[in-house]
Protein backbone atom coordinates (compact mmCIF):
# COMPACT_ATOMS: atom_id res chain seq x y z
CA MET A 1 67.42 133.31 108.41
CA TYR A 2 70.65 135.38 108.26
CA ALA A 3 71.21 139.10 109.24
CA SER A 4 70.89 141.24 106.09
CA ASN A 5 74.61 142.10 106.32
CA ARG A 6 77.62 141.02 104.56
CA TRP A 7 78.17 137.67 105.71
CA ALA A 8 75.22 136.36 105.71
CA ALA A 9 76.01 135.09 101.38
CA GLY A 10 79.18 133.24 102.83
CA LYS A 11 76.96 131.32 105.59
CA ALA A 12 73.65 130.82 103.20
CA ARG A 13 76.35 129.38 100.72
CA ALA A 14 77.14 126.70 102.96
CA ALA A 15 74.17 126.13 104.80
CA VAL A 16 73.30 125.71 100.77
CA VAL A 17 75.98 123.54 99.70
CA ALA A 18 75.68 121.62 103.56
CA GLN A 19 72.06 120.96 102.70
CA LEU A 20 73.00 119.45 99.24
CA ALA A 21 74.98 117.01 100.41
CA ALA A 22 72.42 116.14 103.41
CA TRP A 23 69.68 114.80 100.98
CA GLY A 24 72.86 112.80 98.86
CA TYR A 25 74.02 115.11 95.86
CA ARG A 26 77.13 115.25 94.78
CA PRO A 27 77.44 118.12 92.28
CA GLY A 28 80.86 117.66 90.36
CA VAL A 29 82.99 121.13 91.35
CA LEU A 30 81.88 123.28 88.05
CA VAL A 31 78.71 122.27 89.29
CA LEU A 32 79.01 122.90 92.91
CA ASP A 33 81.03 126.46 91.57
CA ALA A 34 77.61 127.79 90.42
CA VAL A 35 75.55 126.93 93.60
CA GLU A 36 77.70 128.84 95.43
CA ALA A 37 77.91 131.39 92.88
CA VAL A 38 74.47 131.99 92.16
CA THR A 39 73.69 131.73 96.09
CA LYS A 40 75.88 134.84 96.90
CA LEU A 41 74.05 136.63 93.82
CA LEU A 42 70.57 135.86 95.99
CA VAL A 43 71.33 136.30 99.48
CA ASP A 44 73.94 140.04 97.84
CA THR A 45 71.51 141.18 96.80
CA ALA A 46 67.38 140.51 98.60
CA ALA A 47 70.09 141.73 100.69
CA ALA A 48 70.92 145.14 99.30
CA ASP A 49 67.65 145.79 99.38
CA GLY A 50 68.07 147.15 102.71
CA GLY A 51 65.82 145.31 105.11
CA THR A 52 67.69 143.62 108.51
CA ARG A 53 67.40 140.10 107.67
CA VAL A 54 67.31 137.41 103.91
CA SER A 55 66.02 134.03 104.61
CA VAL A 56 67.56 131.65 102.23
CA HIS A 57 65.14 128.57 101.45
CA LEU A 58 65.88 125.09 99.74
CA SER A 59 64.15 122.89 97.66
CA ASP A 60 64.78 119.47 95.46
CA GLN A 61 63.81 117.78 93.04
CA ASP A 62 63.83 115.10 89.92
CA GLY A 63 67.66 115.75 89.26
CA GLN A 64 67.38 119.61 89.92
CA ALA A 65 67.68 122.30 93.46
CA CYS A 66 65.78 125.37 93.51
CA ILE A 67 67.53 127.81 96.10
CA LEU A 68 65.12 131.18 97.19
CA ALA A 69 65.74 134.74 98.76
CA PHE A 70 63.76 136.34 100.51
CA SER A 71 64.11 139.89 101.23
CA HIS A 72 61.62 140.85 104.08
CA CYS A 73 62.01 143.79 103.09
CA PRO A 74 58.33 145.87 102.45
CA GLY A 75 57.14 148.57 99.66
CA LEU A 76 59.59 147.51 96.96
CA ALA A 77 57.01 146.09 94.57
CA ASP A 78 56.12 150.64 93.91
CA SER A 79 60.49 150.51 93.15
CA PRO A 80 61.57 150.58 89.30
CA ASP A 81 64.11 148.02 89.94
CA GLY A 82 61.71 146.75 92.29
CA ALA A 83 61.57 143.17 90.79
CA GLY A 84 65.48 143.06 90.60
CA GLU A 85 65.78 141.97 86.45
CA GLY A 86 69.50 143.32 86.15
CA VAL A 87 71.18 139.71 88.53
CA LEU A 88 69.15 138.12 86.46
CA HIS A 89 71.17 138.16 84.04
CA ARG A 90 74.17 137.39 85.89
CA VAL A 91 72.89 133.96 87.58
CA ALA A 92 71.91 132.92 84.62
CA GLU A 93 74.96 133.39 82.83
CA HIS A 94 76.12 130.09 84.87
CA ARG A 95 75.67 126.70 82.66
CA PRO A 96 73.63 124.50 85.16
CA VAL A 97 70.56 127.40 85.32
CA ALA A 98 67.90 125.73 84.82
CA GLY A 99 65.61 128.87 85.28
CA CYS A 100 65.61 131.78 87.71
CA GLY A 101 63.52 135.45 88.38
CA THR A 102 62.07 137.13 90.92
CA ASP A 103 59.40 139.41 91.97
CA ALA A 104 58.72 142.13 94.92
CA GLY A 105 55.17 141.93 97.32
CA PRO A 106 54.14 143.67 100.17
CA GLY A 107 56.43 141.55 102.38
CA GLY A 108 59.80 142.38 100.45
CA ARG A 109 61.53 140.47 97.21
CA ARG A 110 61.80 136.64 96.52
CA LEU A 111 65.41 135.98 93.73
CA TRP A 112 64.95 131.97 92.75
CA ALA A 113 66.91 130.05 90.36
CA VAL A 114 66.38 126.32 89.63
CA ILE A 115 70.42 124.75 88.77
CA ASP A 116 70.64 121.28 86.97
CA LEU A 117 72.59 118.68 89.53
């Protein structure tokens, strides 16, 4: 969990890359750049929701990683852009992204991306 500020994305990027390495993944430069860029997009978007914290969750399966950012900012489900669809186009532009999505519920917004490693 990170304080929802401008440093959150940098800290999250470093943690995601370190955890992937701890799990034995050694992605090439292009994939690593995509992991970092996607993590930044997800965390920056979650932080922009105005909550006080952002959490990042990472999982892996079958050579893919799922990165999820959660804003912990209630009330977004009722807002016009509560689902954050705009950021998904930018996330999907990264070639190894296999899928992405977002939703908002009572506890805040969830944004996720699955990346082929």
